[in-house]
Every structure is written in structure tokens, then in C-alpha cells.
């Protein structure tokens, strides 16, 4: 099961990079960013997913409704919501709001999958959530009500709901499809869905001249390879091994990794309060992942076979 935890750590690192990069290139409109990151991902996945995607075409059609829901929630619109939010709000606010995802996933898992969490695990969800909020507020946890909430914070509600639904569906259906073939087809469908939206976006705001800037091209390539492809592969495997609720709790690490990235690349300081919050998050994740180790190992072993 340690391999599942390692995979989820890398997922968090890549998704923190998604936030930092999305903020860095937010001079581009959100649907444009989402569209071109998927174009890059589609090209990368072409040699990996084309054959298996075609071989399983009947399976995709048989489960077309849940497959389409997974595509729209996890691939098409989750990151589109994030890039849209970053147009209006800060990466700090985005990080705070993303910590709500495990809570939303736990609630949906209890309702839809009948997952039962022990009291210690529920406490872990709460502790890690408080710790993550503590990190981004630098210890001033009671000031959250005074934060400058705006339309971007509201857009993040869409991201929270999208990823929670995606996590539930992945747990229930992703084992039916080939890993690379599924991501390949999902990316292709998402490109088709986003293309007319991008055309409308350009018709209203104009074609972004900054699209060809080297920094923006580099950012889009990163987004297409790591968050769009590698992180999704690792996340899907993590959900299969750990369950939707436990895997999603690792997203509480996002504010911490984002904070470290800001320190390394944006010259921001890391305070004692933020370090205390980081330790709190880690403790909360440890509590939440204490769940039937043997069964989790069995699930992961079957997945790896």
C-alpha cells in the first residue's frame, strides 16, 4: 500500500504545479488554457491509448453514461473551473477551497457507495482540513470570514463538485476500461466539447496574442503532460487501491506544496505558523489513511496484476 501513498504524493505535487502554472499563465482565457492542455495531453497519449481505446470501443458505448460523466467532471471541466477561478481570485484562495474536496467526496461516498468511515478517520478529515486552512491563512484561522471572497471563489464550487463526482465514478467504473485507452478517449471527447466554447471565447474576447509566448507554451506543455496525463493515471490507481475517500484526502496537501512552490519560485516566505499547519495536515492524513490496511493491500495487488 506504500506505493499507493507514493503515487498520491506525486499527484499532489503535479496538481500544485497545475495551480501555480495556471496562475502564471492566466493572461490566457480559461477555456483556451483547458483546451490546449488537453490537445497536448491527447498527442502525448496517442501512442499509449489508441490501440486499447479502439479495442474497448464497445465497452465505452456500453457504459457511455458513466463514462461521459467521468469525462466531463474529471477531464473537461474540473481544471476549466480552476483556470476560471484563477482569473479572479488568488492561488491561496483556490488552495483553501480545494481542501473541501475530500469532505465532499466523503459525503458522496457515504451516500452513493455506502462507504463507512471510522470515527478516527472522520477526525482525520477534519484535522487535515483545519490544518490546510491554517497553512494558507498563516495561522489566522479566524480571519477566514474576512477574506476577500469573489466570483472566482464561487467558480471553485464547480471544481469541488466536479472532482468529488469524478472520484466516486472512478471508484465504481474505471476498472472496466483500459487505463491509457480511457484517458485517451476522455481527452478526445473533452477536446470536442471545448472546441466550440473556445471559438465563442475568442469571438468575444479576441484571439489571445500571448498564446505563442514561450513562457505560455512551456506552461501549456507542462499542464498537458503532468496534471492532464501522468497525475490522472496515478490518481486513478490511487483511488482503486485506497478508495475514493482516502485518496481524496491527500488533496489536503495541495496548499502545502503550493506554498513550497511559491517559496521556491516566487520568493515567498514560509512562517512558523505555516509549518505548524503543514504538520497538522500530515497528522490528519495519517489518521484518515488508517483503514483496513490488509484489504487495501489486496485491492492494490489485484490492480497491479
Foldseek 3Di string as FASTA:
>chain_A
DVVLVVLLVLLLLLVLLLLVLLLVPLVDQLLVLLLLLLVLLLVVLVVPAPVQLVVCVVVCVVPVVLLVLLLCLPRQPLSSLSSNLSNPDPSLLLLLLLLCLLVLLVVVCCVPVVDDADPLQVVLSVLLSQLLCLQSVVNVNVCPVVDPDDVSSVSSVSNSVSVSSSLVSLQVPVVSGDLSNSLSVSSVVSSVVSVVVVVVVCVVVNDDPCCPPPSNVVSSNSSNPRNSHSSVSSLSLSCQLQNSSLSSLSSSCNSVSSVVVCCVPVVDDRDPSNVVSNVSNVVSSVSNSPDDVVVSVVRSVVVVD
